[in-house]
């Protein structure tokens, strides 16, 4: 009995294997795997095909668009959550 892995099959159309999805969104493979286990970010969108994990490119693009929108949108709530800066105290000579 042979225990060899053959060449990896091509990802389904419109999908990427997890090894290609991670650099596509700019994270390491370890990070995307961690997100998948923790069910956060785009990690929750992965699905299993046989023993491989695939991601739809449209889901990855939606994640990137969400990150972009969060980066350019003004954080109106954040402005109200912070305390005003405290006055500086000077040392008496």
Protein backbone atom coordinates (compact mmCIF):
# COMPACT_ATOMS: atom_id res chain seq x y z
CA UNK A 1 0.00 0.00 0.00
CA UNK A 2 1.37 3.37 -0.97
CA UNK A 3 0.97 6.43 1.19
CA UNK A 4 1.70 9.08 -1.40
CA UNK A 5 -0.08 12.30 -1.96
CA UNK A 6 -0.78 13.00 -5.56
CA UNK A 7 -0.75 16.45 -7.06
CA UNK A 8 -3.29 18.71 -5.47
CA UNK A 9 -6.42 19.10 -7.52
CA UNK A 10 -7.23 22.49 -8.99
CA UNK A 11 -9.50 24.66 -6.85
CA UNK A 12 -13.11 24.92 -8.07
CA UNK A 13 -13.85 27.83 -10.37
CA UNK A 14 -14.15 31.09 -8.44
CA UNK A 15 -12.38 29.62 -5.41
CA UNK A 16 -8.90 29.50 -3.92
CA UNK A 17 -7.36 26.91 -1.64
CA UNK A 18 -6.49 28.20 1.81
CA UNK A 19 -2.78 28.37 0.86
CA UNK A 20 -3.62 30.85 -1.93
CA UNK A 21 -6.40 32.66 -0.04
CA UNK A 22 -4.11 33.81 2.78
CA UNK A 23 -1.70 35.84 0.61
CA UNK A 24 -4.67 37.04 -1.47
CA UNK A 25 -6.01 38.93 1.58
CA UNK A 26 -2.55 39.77 2.92
CA UNK A 27 -2.28 37.47 5.95
CA UNK A 28 -0.17 34.45 6.73
CA UNK A 29 -1.47 30.94 6.29
CA UNK A 30 -1.22 30.45 10.07
CA UNK A 31 -3.40 33.51 10.67
CA UNK A 32 -6.11 32.37 8.26
CA UNK A 33 -6.10 28.90 9.82
CA UNK A 34 -6.38 30.48 13.28
CA UNK A 35 -9.30 32.65 12.14
CA UNK A 36 -10.98 29.53 10.75
CA UNK A 37 -10.69 27.74 14.11
CA UNK A 38 -11.85 30.86 16.00
CA UNK A 39 -14.66 31.49 13.49
CA UNK A 40 -13.70 35.10 12.83
CA UNK A 41 -12.95 37.32 9.88
CA UNK A 42 -12.96 35.64 6.51
CA UNK A 43 -11.98 32.38 8.20
CA UNK A 44 -15.62 31.54 8.84
CA UNK A 45 -16.32 31.59 5.11
CA UNK A 46 -14.03 28.66 4.30
CA UNK A 47 -15.54 25.33 3.35
CA UNK A 48 -14.16 21.85 3.03
CA UNK A 49 -13.83 19.95 -0.23
CA UNK A 50 -12.49 16.51 0.55
CA UNK A 51 -9.55 17.20 2.81
CA UNK A 52 -8.86 20.68 1.49
CA UNK A 53 -10.21 24.06 2.59
CA UNK A 54 -11.46 26.45 -0.09
CA UNK A 55 -12.59 30.08 -0.06
CA UNK A 56 -14.77 31.81 -2.61
CA UNK A 57 -12.96 34.75 -4.18
CA UNK A 58 -16.12 36.87 -3.85
CA UNK A 59 -16.10 36.28 -0.06
CA UNK A 60 -12.43 37.29 0.13
CA UNK A 61 -13.12 40.41 -1.97
CA UNK A 62 -16.05 41.31 0.31
CA UNK A 63 -13.76 41.00 3.35
CA UNK A 64 -11.15 43.27 1.72
CA UNK A 65 -13.83 45.82 0.77
CA UNK A 66 -15.09 45.82 4.36
CA UNK A 67 -11.58 46.45 5.62
CA UNK A 68 -11.17 49.29 3.13
CA UNK A 69 -14.48 50.88 4.07
CA UNK A 70 -13.62 50.67 7.78
CA UNK A 71 -10.28 52.36 7.08
CA UNK A 72 -11.72 55.31 5.16
CA UNK A 73 -14.93 55.83 7.11
CA UNK A 74 -14.81 58.41 9.90
CA UNK A 75 -15.11 56.85 13.33
CA UNK A 76 -17.85 59.05 14.76
CA UNK A 77 -18.42 56.92 17.85
CA UNK A 78 -14.72 56.71 18.64
CA UNK A 79 -14.50 60.47 19.02
CA UNK A 80 -17.01 60.45 21.86
CA UNK A 81 -15.59 57.49 23.72
CA UNK A 82 -12.25 59.03 24.57
CA UNK A 83 -11.52 61.32 27.46
CA UNK A 84 -10.13 64.77 26.76
CA UNK A 85 -6.40 65.05 27.28
CA UNK A 86 -5.39 65.94 30.80
CA UNK A 87 -3.52 69.20 31.30
CA UNK A 88 0.24 68.94 31.54
CA UNK A 89 1.73 69.59 34.90
CA UNK A 90 4.94 71.53 35.00
CA UNK A 91 7.58 71.11 37.65
CA UNK A 92 8.20 73.97 39.97
CA UNK A 93 11.83 75.09 39.91
